[in-house]
Amino acid sequence: MIPWETDMGKALARAKAEQKTVLLEFFSPECIGCKQMEEVTFADPDVMNFISDRVVPVRIPVANTTQTGDYRVSWTPTLITLDLYGREHQRTVGFIPPEDMVGAVLLGIGKVHVGDGQFNEAVIQLSTLLNGCPECAAAPEAVYLRGVARFSSSHDPAALKEIYQQLSTQYPESEWTRRAHPFTLL
């Protein structure tokens, strides 16, 4: 069972103490996607273990209008990845199947590290995603961001060129391949 926090203040204090990213879920008991997240995705042993080990999970009912308004939540389920200071780095709306959940969380962790300027750690997290679930929905964006992190730490334009090469080979129809196309001009 995932050890969900229900108090944002306690969750952020725990995140700081443990140096972890926060995974915030807004849910509604009436929401079919939320029920599926609970019964299918969060019940998956791999997802359960990963979330329990790697992030501070927080679950807040959408009826909590103060926090729902603070995070501009209008649909459930909404999953938000926060750094240990409570700053948002990624948002996902709607049901995420178990085979995509670990990748989605790793993408969020990678985005936290990119946002904090910890580019080498971002490369590690995004590489873990790509090695563990290269077919998950988050993989093309992970390729893009890993290249951005590599470029940000080295300032070598070859890192940007590699983004497009890998995306066009592995994910030719991805929006991330289209976004990386300008790197062919380098």
N, C-alpha and C. Protein backbone atom coordinates (compact mmCIF):
# COMPACT_ATOMS: atom_id res chain seq x y z
N MET A 1 0.84 -1.17 0.00
CA MET A 1 0.00 0.00 0.00
C MET A 1 0.90 1.25 0.00
N ILE A 2 0.52 2.22 -0.78
CA ILE A 2 1.27 3.46 -0.88
C ILE A 2 1.01 4.30 0.37
N PRO A 3 2.08 4.80 1.01
CA PRO A 3 1.91 5.60 2.24
C PRO A 3 1.56 7.06 1.94
N TRP A 4 0.33 7.29 1.52
CA TRP A 4 -0.10 8.63 1.13
C TRP A 4 -0.10 9.57 2.31
N GLU A 5 0.47 10.74 2.11
CA GLU A 5 0.31 11.85 3.05
C GLU A 5 -0.98 12.55 2.66
N THR A 6 -1.59 13.22 3.62
CA THR A 6 -2.81 13.97 3.33
C THR A 6 -2.66 15.45 3.70
N ASP A 7 -1.55 15.79 4.29
CA ASP A 7 -1.28 17.17 4.70
C ASP A 7 -0.08 17.69 3.91
N MET A 8 -0.28 18.75 3.15
CA MET A 8 0.77 19.28 2.29
C MET A 8 1.98 19.76 3.08
N GLY A 9 1.75 20.41 4.20
CA GLY A 9 2.85 20.88 5.03
C GLY A 9 3.73 19.74 5.52
N LYS A 10 3.10 18.67 5.99
CA LYS A 10 3.85 17.50 6.45
C LYS A 10 4.58 16.85 5.30
N ALA A 11 3.94 16.81 4.14
CA ALA A 11 4.57 16.19 2.97
C ALA A 11 5.82 16.95 2.54
N LEU A 12 5.74 18.27 2.53
CA LEU A 12 6.90 19.08 2.15
C LEU A 12 8.02 18.96 3.18
N ALA A 13 7.66 18.90 4.45
CA ALA A 13 8.68 18.71 5.50
C ALA A 13 9.36 17.35 5.31
N ARG A 14 8.58 16.34 5.03
CA ARG A 14 9.15 15.00 4.79
C ARG A 14 10.02 15.01 3.54
N ALA A 15 9.58 15.69 2.48
CA ALA A 15 10.36 15.76 1.25
C ALA A 15 11.71 16.41 1.50
N LYS A 16 11.72 17.48 2.29
CA LYS A 16 12.98 18.15 2.62
C LYS A 16 13.88 17.24 3.44
N ALA A 17 13.31 16.57 4.43
CA ALA A 17 14.09 15.69 5.30
C ALA A 17 14.68 14.52 4.52
N GLU A 18 13.90 13.99 3.57
CA GLU A 18 14.33 12.81 2.81
C GLU A 18 14.97 13.17 1.47
N GLN A 19 14.98 14.49 1.13
CA GLN A 19 15.51 14.95 -0.15
C GLN A 19 14.83 14.23 -1.32
N LYS A 20 13.51 14.27 -1.32
CA LYS A 20 12.71 13.59 -2.34
C LYS A 20 11.78 14.56 -3.04
N THR A 21 11.36 14.16 -4.20
CA THR A 21 10.34 14.85 -4.98
C THR A 21 8.98 14.50 -4.39
N VAL A 22 8.02 15.38 -4.57
CA VAL A 22 6.65 15.16 -4.09
C VAL A 22 5.76 14.81 -5.29
N LEU A 23 4.96 13.76 -5.14
CA LEU A 23 3.96 13.41 -6.14
C LEU A 23 2.60 13.70 -5.52
N LEU A 24 1.94 14.72 -6.04
CA LEU A 24 0.66 15.18 -5.50
C LEU A 24 -0.47 14.71 -6.41
N GLU A 25 -1.43 13.99 -5.81
CA GLU A 25 -2.60 13.55 -6.59
C GLU A 25 -3.84 14.23 -6.05
N PHE A 26 -4.56 14.90 -6.94
CA PHE A 26 -5.88 15.40 -6.62
C PHE A 26 -6.87 14.39 -7.17
N PHE A 27 -7.84 13.99 -6.34
CA PHE A 27 -8.79 12.96 -6.73
C PHE A 27 -10.19 13.31 -6.27
N SER A 28 -11.14 12.60 -6.82
CA SER A 28 -12.53 12.69 -6.38
C SER A 28 -13.06 11.27 -6.24
N PRO A 29 -13.75 10.96 -5.16
CA PRO A 29 -14.28 9.60 -4.98
C PRO A 29 -15.26 9.18 -6.08
N GLU A 30 -15.88 10.16 -6.74
CA GLU A 30 -16.84 9.85 -7.81
C GLU A 30 -16.19 9.67 -9.18
N CYS A 31 -14.94 10.01 -9.30
CA CYS A 31 -14.23 10.03 -10.58
C CYS A 31 -13.83 8.61 -11.01
N ILE A 32 -14.25 8.19 -12.20
CA ILE A 32 -13.94 6.85 -12.69
C ILE A 32 -12.44 6.70 -12.94
N GLY A 33 -11.80 7.73 -13.46
CA GLY A 33 -10.34 7.68 -13.66
C GLY A 33 -9.59 7.54 -12.34
N CYS A 34 -10.09 8.22 -11.31
CA CYS A 34 -9.47 8.13 -9.97
C CYS A 34 -9.63 6.72 -9.41
N LYS A 35 -10.82 6.16 -9.60
CA LYS A 35 -11.05 4.79 -9.13
C LYS A 35 -10.12 3.82 -9.84
N GLN A 36 -9.93 4.01 -11.14
CA GLN A 36 -9.02 3.14 -11.90
C GLN A 36 -7.57 3.34 -11.46
N MET A 37 -7.19 4.59 -11.16
CA MET A 37 -5.84 4.83 -10.65
C MET A 37 -5.64 4.05 -9.36
N GLU A 38 -6.64 4.10 -8.47
CA GLU A 38 -6.54 3.41 -7.17
C GLU A 38 -6.53 1.90 -7.33
N GLU A 39 -7.47 1.37 -8.13
CA GLU A 39 -7.65 -0.08 -8.21
C GLU A 39 -6.70 -0.76 -9.17
N VAL A 40 -6.19 -0.03 -10.18
CA VAL A 40 -5.34 -0.65 -11.19
C VAL A 40 -3.90 -0.15 -11.07
N THR A 41 -3.72 1.13 -11.23
CA THR A 41 -2.36 1.67 -11.30
C THR A 41 -1.65 1.64 -9.95
N PHE A 42 -2.25 2.24 -8.93
CA PHE A 42 -1.60 2.30 -7.63
C PHE A 42 -1.58 0.95 -6.93
N ALA A 43 -2.39 0.00 -7.39
CA ALA A 43 -2.38 -1.35 -6.83
C ALA A 43 -1.31 -2.23 -7.46
N ASP A 44 -0.74 -1.81 -8.59
CA ASP A 44 0.31 -2.57 -9.26
C ASP A 44 1.54 -2.62 -8.35
N PRO A 45 2.08 -3.81 -8.08
CA PRO A 45 3.21 -3.91 -7.15
C PRO A 45 4.44 -3.09 -7.57
N ASP A 46 4.75 -3.04 -8.86
CA ASP A 46 5.90 -2.25 -9.30
C ASP A 46 5.67 -0.76 -9.07
N VAL A 47 4.47 -0.29 -9.37
CA VAL A 47 4.13 1.12 -9.16
C VAL A 47 4.14 1.43 -7.66
N MET A 48 3.52 0.56 -6.89
CA MET A 48 3.43 0.76 -5.45
C MET A 48 4.84 0.86 -4.83
N ASN A 49 5.70 -0.06 -5.18
CA ASN A 49 7.06 -0.05 -4.62
C ASN A 49 7.85 1.17 -5.07
N PHE A 50 7.73 1.51 -6.35
CA PHE A 50 8.47 2.65 -6.87
C PHE A 50 8.05 3.95 -6.18
N ILE A 51 6.76 4.18 -6.11
CA ILE A 51 6.26 5.41 -5.48
C ILE A 51 6.64 5.44 -4.00
N SER A 52 6.48 4.34 -3.32
CA SER A 52 6.81 4.29 -1.90
C SER A 52 8.28 4.57 -1.64
N ASP A 53 9.15 4.11 -2.54
CA ASP A 53 10.60 4.27 -2.36
C ASP A 53 11.14 5.61 -2.85
N ARG A 54 10.58 6.16 -3.91
CA ARG A 54 11.25 7.26 -4.62
C ARG A 54 10.67 8.65 -4.43
N VAL A 55 9.42 8.76 -4.01
CA VAL A 55 8.79 10.07 -3.88
C VAL A 55 8.01 10.15 -2.57
N VAL A 56 7.62 11.36 -2.22
CA VAL A 56 6.68 11.55 -1.12
C VAL A 56 5.31 11.71 -1.76
N PRO A 57 4.45 10.68 -1.64
CA PRO A 57 3.13 10.76 -2.26
C PRO A 57 2.13 11.51 -1.37
N VAL A 58 1.36 12.39 -1.99
CA VAL A 58 0.34 13.17 -1.29
C VAL A 58 -0.97 13.01 -2.04
N ARG A 59 -2.02 12.75 -1.32
CA ARG A 59 -3.34 12.60 -1.94
C ARG A 59 -4.29 13.60 -1.29
N ILE A 60 -4.89 14.44 -2.13
CA ILE A 60 -5.79 15.48 -1.64
C ILE A 60 -7.10 15.40 -2.43
N PRO A 61 -8.23 15.35 -1.71
CA PRO A 61 -9.51 15.34 -2.42
C PRO A 61 -9.75 16.69 -3.11
N VAL A 62 -10.30 16.63 -4.30
CA VAL A 62 -10.56 17.85 -5.07
C VAL A 62 -11.57 18.74 -4.33
N ALA A 63 -12.31 18.18 -3.40
CA ALA A 63 -13.26 18.96 -2.60
C ALA A 63 -12.54 19.94 -1.67
N ASN A 64 -11.24 19.75 -1.47
CA ASN A 64 -10.44 20.69 -0.67
C ASN A 64 -10.21 21.92 -1.54
N THR A 65 -11.14 22.84 -1.48
CA THR A 65 -11.14 23.95 -2.43
C THR A 65 -9.93 24.87 -2.28
N THR A 66 -9.36 24.97 -1.08
CA THR A 66 -8.19 25.83 -0.91
C THR A 66 -7.03 25.31 -1.74
N GLN A 67 -6.66 24.06 -1.54
CA GLN A 67 -5.52 23.53 -2.28
C GLN A 67 -5.85 23.28 -3.74
N THR A 68 -7.07 22.92 -4.03
CA THR A 68 -7.47 22.76 -5.43
C THR A 68 -7.30 24.08 -6.16
N GLY A 69 -7.70 25.18 -5.53
CA GLY A 69 -7.54 26.50 -6.13
C GLY A 69 -6.09 26.93 -6.22
N ASP A 70 -5.30 26.61 -5.18
CA ASP A 70 -3.87 26.96 -5.20
C ASP A 70 -3.16 26.31 -6.39
N TYR A 71 -3.57 25.09 -6.74
CA TYR A 71 -2.91 24.36 -7.83
C TYR A 71 -3.72 24.39 -9.12
N ARG A 72 -4.79 25.19 -9.17
CA ARG A 72 -5.60 25.34 -10.38
C ARG A 72 -6.04 23.99 -10.96
N VAL A 73 -6.64 23.18 -10.13
CA VAL A 73 -7.09 21.86 -10.55
C VAL A 73 -8.55 21.95 -10.97
N SER A 74 -8.83 21.49 -12.19
CA SER A 74 -10.22 21.52 -12.67
C SER A 74 -10.71 20.15 -13.12
N TRP A 75 -9.85 19.15 -13.08
CA TRP A 75 -10.23 17.81 -13.53
C TRP A 75 -9.47 16.79 -12.70
N THR A 76 -10.08 15.64 -12.52
CA THR A 76 -9.40 14.57 -11.78
C THR A 76 -9.36 13.31 -12.62
N PRO A 77 -8.38 12.48 -12.38
CA PRO A 77 -7.25 12.71 -11.49
C PRO A 77 -6.25 13.70 -12.10
N THR A 78 -5.64 14.49 -11.24
CA THR A 78 -4.55 15.37 -11.63
C THR A 78 -3.35 14.99 -10.78
N LEU A 79 -2.23 14.69 -11.44
CA LEU A 79 -0.98 14.37 -10.75
C LEU A 79 0.01 15.49 -11.02
N ILE A 80 0.58 16.02 -9.95
CA ILE A 80 1.52 17.12 -10.06
C ILE A 80 2.82 16.73 -9.38
N THR A 81 3.93 16.89 -10.08
CA THR A 81 5.24 16.64 -9.50
C THR A 81 5.79 17.96 -8.99
N LEU A 82 6.16 17.95 -7.71
CA LEU A 82 6.68 19.15 -7.04
C LEU A 82 8.09 18.88 -6.53
N ASP A 83 8.90 19.93 -6.51
CA ASP A 83 10.19 19.77 -5.85
C ASP A 83 9.97 19.89 -4.34
N LEU A 84 11.02 19.76 -3.57
CA LEU A 84 10.86 19.74 -2.12
C LEU A 84 10.50 21.10 -1.54
N TYR A 85 10.45 22.13 -2.39
CA TYR A 85 10.00 23.46 -1.96
C TYR A 85 8.54 23.72 -2.36
N GLY A 86 7.93 22.75 -3.02
CA GLY A 86 6.53 22.87 -3.42
C GLY A 86 6.32 23.51 -4.78
N ARG A 87 7.40 23.68 -5.56
CA ARG A 87 7.27 24.27 -6.90
C ARG A 87 6.90 23.16 -7.90
N GLU A 88 5.93 23.47 -8.75
CA GLU A 88 5.45 22.51 -9.75
C GLU A 88 6.44 22.38 -10.90
N HIS A 89 6.67 21.11 -11.32
CA HIS A 89 7.55 20.85 -12.46
C HIS A 89 6.86 20.02 -13.55
N GLN A 90 5.81 19.32 -13.19
CA GLN A 90 5.10 18.51 -14.19
C GLN A 90 3.66 18.31 -13.72
N ARG A 91 2.76 18.25 -14.71
CA ARG A 91 1.34 18.02 -14.43
C ARG A 91 0.80 17.03 -15.45
N THR A 92 0.06 16.06 -14.95
CA THR A 92 -0.59 15.08 -15.81
C THR A 92 -2.06 15.02 -15.40
N VAL A 93 -2.93 15.09 -16.36
CA VAL A 93 -4.36 15.04 -16.10
C VAL A 93 -4.93 13.78 -16.73
N GLY A 94 -5.71 13.03 -15.97
CA GLY A 94 -6.36 11.83 -16.47
C GLY A 94 -5.65 10.56 -16.02
N PHE A 95 -6.29 9.46 -16.31
CA PHE A 95 -5.80 8.14 -15.93
C PHE A 95 -4.46 7.83 -16.57
N ILE A 96 -3.57 7.25 -15.79
CA ILE A 96 -2.28 6.76 -16.29
C ILE A 96 -2.23 5.27 -16.02
N PRO A 97 -2.08 4.45 -17.05
CA PRO A 97 -2.02 3.00 -16.82
C PRO A 97 -0.72 2.61 -16.10
N PRO A 98 -0.72 1.46 -15.43
CA PRO A 98 0.45 1.07 -14.66
C PRO A 98 1.74 1.01 -15.49
N GLU A 99 1.64 0.58 -16.74
CA GLU A 99 2.85 0.46 -17.56
C GLU A 99 3.48 1.81 -17.91
N ASP A 100 2.74 2.89 -17.70
CA ASP A 100 3.27 4.24 -17.96
C ASP A 100 3.57 5.02 -16.68
N MET A 101 3.12 4.53 -15.54
CA MET A 101 3.21 5.31 -14.31
C MET A 101 4.64 5.54 -13.83
N VAL A 102 5.45 4.50 -13.78
CA VAL A 102 6.83 4.67 -13.31
C VAL A 102 7.57 5.64 -14.22
N GLY A 103 7.37 5.52 -15.52
CA GLY A 103 7.99 6.44 -16.46
C GLY A 103 7.52 7.87 -16.24
N ALA A 104 6.24 8.05 -15.98
CA ALA A 104 5.70 9.39 -15.73
C ALA A 104 6.32 10.01 -14.48
N VAL A 105 6.49 9.20 -13.44
CA VAL A 105 7.08 9.72 -12.20
C VAL A 105 8.57 10.03 -12.41
N LEU A 106 9.28 9.13 -13.11
CA LEU A 106 10.70 9.40 -13.39
C LEU A 106 10.86 10.66 -14.24
N LEU A 107 9.97 10.88 -15.19
CA LEU A 107 10.01 12.10 -15.99
C LEU A 107 9.86 13.32 -15.09
N GLY A 108 8.91 13.24 -14.16
CA GLY A 108 8.73 14.35 -13.23
C GLY A 108 9.96 14.59 -12.37
N ILE A 109 10.58 13.52 -11.89
CA ILE A 109 11.80 13.65 -11.09
C ILE A 109 12.91 14.28 -11.95
N GLY A 110 13.03 13.83 -13.19
CA GLY A 110 14.01 14.41 -14.10
C GLY A 110 13.77 15.89 -14.32
N LYS A 111 12.50 16.27 -14.48
CA LYS A 111 12.17 17.68 -14.68
C LYS A 111 12.51 18.52 -13.44
N VAL A 112 12.33 17.95 -12.26
CA VAL A 112 12.72 18.67 -11.04
C VAL A 112 14.21 18.96 -11.08
N HIS A 113 15.02 17.95 -11.46
CA HIS A 113 16.47 18.14 -11.49
C HIS A 113 16.89 19.13 -12.58
N VAL A 114 16.24 19.08 -13.73
CA VAL A 114 16.54 20.07 -14.78
C VAL A 114 16.20 21.47 -14.25
N GLY A 115 15.04 21.62 -13.65
CA GLY A 115 14.61 22.90 -13.13
C GLY A 115 15.50 23.45 -12.04
N ASP A 116 16.12 22.55 -11.29
CA ASP A 116 17.03 22.96 -10.21
C ASP A 116 18.47 23.08 -10.67
N GLY A 117 18.71 22.87 -11.98
CA GLY A 117 20.07 22.98 -12.50
C GLY A 117 20.97 21.81 -12.16
N GLN A 118 20.38 20.71 -11.72
CA GLN A 118 21.13 19.50 -11.40
C GLN A 118 21.11 18.59 -12.64
N PHE A 119 21.86 19.01 -13.65
CA PHE A 119 21.76 18.37 -14.96
C PHE A 119 22.28 16.93 -14.97
N ASN A 120 23.34 16.64 -14.27
CA ASN A 120 23.86 15.27 -14.24
C ASN A 120 22.86 14.33 -13.58
N GLU A 121 22.22 14.78 -12.51
CA GLU A 121 21.20 13.95 -11.86
C GLU A 121 19.99 13.79 -12.77
N ALA A 122 19.64 14.83 -13.52
CA ALA A 122 18.54 14.72 -14.47
C ALA A 122 18.85 13.66 -15.53
N VAL A 123 20.08 13.66 -16.04
CA VAL A 123 20.49 12.66 -17.04
C VAL A 123 20.35 11.26 -16.46
N ILE A 124 20.74 11.07 -15.22
CA ILE A 124 20.64 9.75 -14.58
C ILE A 124 19.19 9.31 -14.50
N GLN A 125 18.31 10.19 -14.01
CA GLN A 125 16.89 9.83 -13.85
C GLN A 125 16.22 9.56 -15.20
N LEU A 126 16.52 10.39 -16.19
CA LEU A 126 15.90 10.22 -17.51
C LEU A 126 16.46 8.99 -18.22
N SER A 127 17.72 8.67 -18.00
CA SER A 127 18.31 7.44 -18.56
C SER A 127 17.68 6.22 -17.90
N THR A 128 17.42 6.30 -16.61
CA THR A 128 16.74 5.20 -15.91
C THR A 128 15.37 4.96 -16.53
N LEU A 129 14.66 6.04 -16.81
CA LEU A 129 13.36 5.92 -17.48
C LEU A 129 13.51 5.23 -18.83
N LEU A 130 14.45 5.71 -19.63
CA LEU A 130 14.61 5.18 -20.99
C LEU A 130 15.10 3.74 -21.00
N ASN A 131 15.92 3.36 -20.04
CA ASN A 131 16.38 1.98 -19.96
C ASN A 131 15.29 1.06 -19.43
N GLY A 132 14.45 1.57 -18.52
CA GLY A 132 13.44 0.73 -17.90
C GLY A 132 12.13 0.63 -18.65
N CYS A 133 11.77 1.67 -19.36
CA CYS A 133 10.49 1.63 -20.09
C CYS A 133 10.57 2.48 -21.36
N PRO A 134 11.35 2.00 -22.34
CA PRO A 134 11.53 2.77 -23.57
C PRO A 134 10.26 2.93 -24.40
N GLU A 135 9.25 2.15 -24.11
CA GLU A 135 8.00 2.24 -24.87
C GLU A 135 6.91 2.99 -24.12
N CYS A 136 7.20 3.48 -22.92
CA CYS A 136 6.16 4.17 -22.17
C CYS A 136 5.91 5.55 -22.78
N ALA A 137 4.79 6.12 -22.43
CA ALA A 137 4.37 7.40 -23.02
C ALA A 137 5.35 8.54 -22.74
N ALA A 138 6.08 8.47 -21.64
CA ALA A 138 7.00 9.54 -21.25
C ALA A 138 8.35 9.47 -21.97
N ALA A 139 8.63 8.37 -22.65
CA ALA A 139 9.97 8.15 -23.22
C ALA A 139 10.41 9.23 -24.22
N PRO A 140 9.60 9.62 -25.20
CA PRO A 140 10.09 10.64 -26.14
C PRO A 140 10.46 11.96 -25.46
N GLU A 141 9.64 12.40 -24.52
CA GLU A 141 9.97 13.63 -23.80
C GLU A 141 11.25 13.44 -22.98
N ALA A 142 11.44 12.25 -22.44
CA ALA A 142 12.66 11.97 -21.67
C ALA A 142 13.90 12.06 -22.55
N VAL A 143 13.81 11.57 -23.79
CA VAL A 143 14.94 11.68 -24.72
C VAL A 143 15.26 13.16 -24.93
N TYR A 144 14.24 13.95 -25.16
CA TYR A 144 14.42 15.38 -25.40
C TYR A 144 15.07 16.05 -24.19
N LEU A 145 14.50 15.84 -23.02
CA LEU A 145 15.01 16.51 -21.82
C LEU A 145 16.39 16.01 -21.41
N ARG A 146 16.67 14.73 -21.65
CA ARG A 146 18.01 14.22 -21.34
C ARG A 146 19.05 14.93 -22.21
N GLY A 147 18.72 15.14 -23.47
CA GLY A 147 19.63 15.87 -24.35
C GLY A 147 19.79 17.32 -23.93
N VAL A 148 18.70 17.93 -23.50
CA VAL A 148 18.76 19.31 -23.00
C VAL A 148 19.65 19.37 -21.76
N ALA A 149 19.49 18.41 -20.86
CA ALA A 149 20.33 18.38 -19.65
C ALA A 149 21.80 18.17 -20.01
N ARG A 150 22.06 17.28 -20.96
CA ARG A 150 23.45 17.07 -21.40
C ARG A 150 24.04 18.35 -21.99
N PHE A 151 23.26 19.02 -22.83
CA PHE A 151 23.73 20.27 -23.41
C PHE A 151 23.95 21.33 -22.32
N SER A 152 23.02 21.41 -21.37
CA SER A 152 23.12 22.42 -20.32
C SER A 152 24.36 22.24 -19.46
N SER A 153 24.80 20.99 -19.30
CA SER A 153 26.00 20.77 -18.48
C SER A 153 27.29 20.87 -19.29
N SER A 154 27.22 20.61 -20.61
CA SER A 154 28.45 20.60 -21.42
C SER A 154 28.57 21.78 -22.38
N HIS A 155 27.43 22.34 -22.76
CA HIS A 155 27.36 23.40 -23.79
C HIS A 155 27.86 22.89 -25.14
N ASP A 156 27.82 21.59 -25.33
CA ASP A 156 28.23 20.97 -26.59
C ASP A 156 26.98 20.77 -27.45
N PRO A 157 26.88 21.45 -28.61
CA PRO A 157 25.70 21.33 -29.45
C PRO A 157 25.46 19.91 -29.97
N ALA A 158 26.46 19.06 -29.91
CA ALA A 158 26.27 17.66 -30.34
C ALA A 158 25.17 17.00 -29.51
N ALA A 159 25.03 17.39 -28.24
CA ALA A 159 23.98 16.82 -27.40
C ALA A 159 22.60 17.14 -27.96
N LEU A 160 22.44 18.33 -28.53
CA LEU A 160 21.16 18.70 -29.12
C LEU A 160 20.92 17.96 -30.44
N LYS A 161 21.96 17.81 -31.24
CA LYS A 161 21.83 17.06 -32.49
C LYS A 161 21.43 15.61 -32.22
N GLU A 162 22.00 15.05 -31.17
CA GLU A 162 21.69 13.65 -30.82
C GLU A 162 20.22 13.47 -30.45
N ILE A 163 19.62 14.52 -29.87
CA ILE A 163 18.20 14.44 -29.51
C ILE A 163 17.37 14.11 -30.75
N TYR A 164 17.55 14.91 -31.78
CA TYR A 164 16.74 14.69 -32.99
C TYR A 164 17.06 13.34 -33.62
N GLN A 165 18.32 12.96 -33.68
CA GLN A 165 18.69 11.68 -34.27
C GLN A 165 18.01 10.52 -33.55
N GLN A 166 18.07 10.53 -32.21
CA GLN A 166 17.46 9.44 -31.46
C GLN A 166 15.94 9.46 -31.59
N LEU A 167 15.34 10.64 -31.49
CA LEU A 167 13.89 10.72 -31.59
C LEU A 167 13.40 10.31 -32.98
N SER A 168 14.06 10.75 -34.03
CA SER A 168 13.60 10.41 -35.38
C SER A 168 13.75 8.92 -35.66
N THR A 169 14.69 8.28 -35.00
CA THR A 169 14.88 6.84 -35.17
C THR A 169 13.87 6.05 -34.34
N GLN A 170 13.75 6.39 -33.05
CA GLN A 170 12.93 5.60 -32.14
C GLN A 170 11.47 6.04 -32.06
N TYR A 171 11.22 7.33 -32.21
CA TYR A 171 9.87 7.87 -32.03
C TYR A 171 9.55 8.86 -33.16
N PRO A 172 9.55 8.40 -34.40
CA PRO A 172 9.42 9.33 -35.53
C PRO A 172 8.11 10.13 -35.54
N GLU A 173 7.05 9.61 -34.96
CA GLU A 173 5.76 10.30 -34.98
C GLU A 173 5.52 11.15 -33.74
N SER A 174 6.47 11.23 -32.85
CA SER A 174 6.29 11.95 -31.60
C SER A 174 6.32 13.47 -31.81
N GLU A 175 5.55 14.17 -31.02
CA GLU A 175 5.62 15.64 -31.04
C GLU A 175 7.01 16.11 -30.62
N TRP A 176 7.72 15.31 -29.82
CA TRP A 176 9.06 15.69 -29.37
C TRP A 176 10.07 15.62 -30.52
N THR A 177 9.81 14.75 -31.48
CA THR A 177 10.65 14.70 -32.67
C THR A 177 10.48 16.00 -33.47
N ARG A 178 9.24 16.44 -33.60
CA ARG A 178 8.99 17.70 -34.30
C ARG A 178 9.60 18.88 -33.55
N ARG A 179 9.53 18.87 -32.25
CA ARG A 179 10.11 19.97 -31.47
C ARG A 179 11.64 20.00 -31.56
N ALA A 180 12.24 18.83 -31.78
CA ALA A 180 13.69 18.75 -31.86
C ALA A 180 14.22 19.05 -33.25
N HIS A 181 13.35 19.15 -34.24
CA HIS A 181 13.79 19.35 -35.61
C HIS A 181 14.73 20.53 -35.81
N PRO A 182 14.52 21.67 -35.13
CA PRO A 182 15.46 22.79 -35.32
C PRO A 182 16.91 22.45 -34.96
N PHE A 183 17.11 21.42 -34.15
CA PHE A 183 18.48 21.05 -33.78
C PHE A 183 19.26 20.49 -34.96
N THR A 184 18.56 20.13 -36.04
CA THR A 184 19.26 19.67 -37.23
C THR A 184 20.02 20.82 -37.90
N LEU A 185 19.67 22.04 -37.55
CA LEU A 185 20.32 23.22 -38.16
C LEU A 185 21.64 23.57 -37.48
N LEU A 186 21.95 22.90 -36.40
CA LEU A 186 23.19 23.21 -35.66
C LEU A 186 24.40 22.62 -36.35
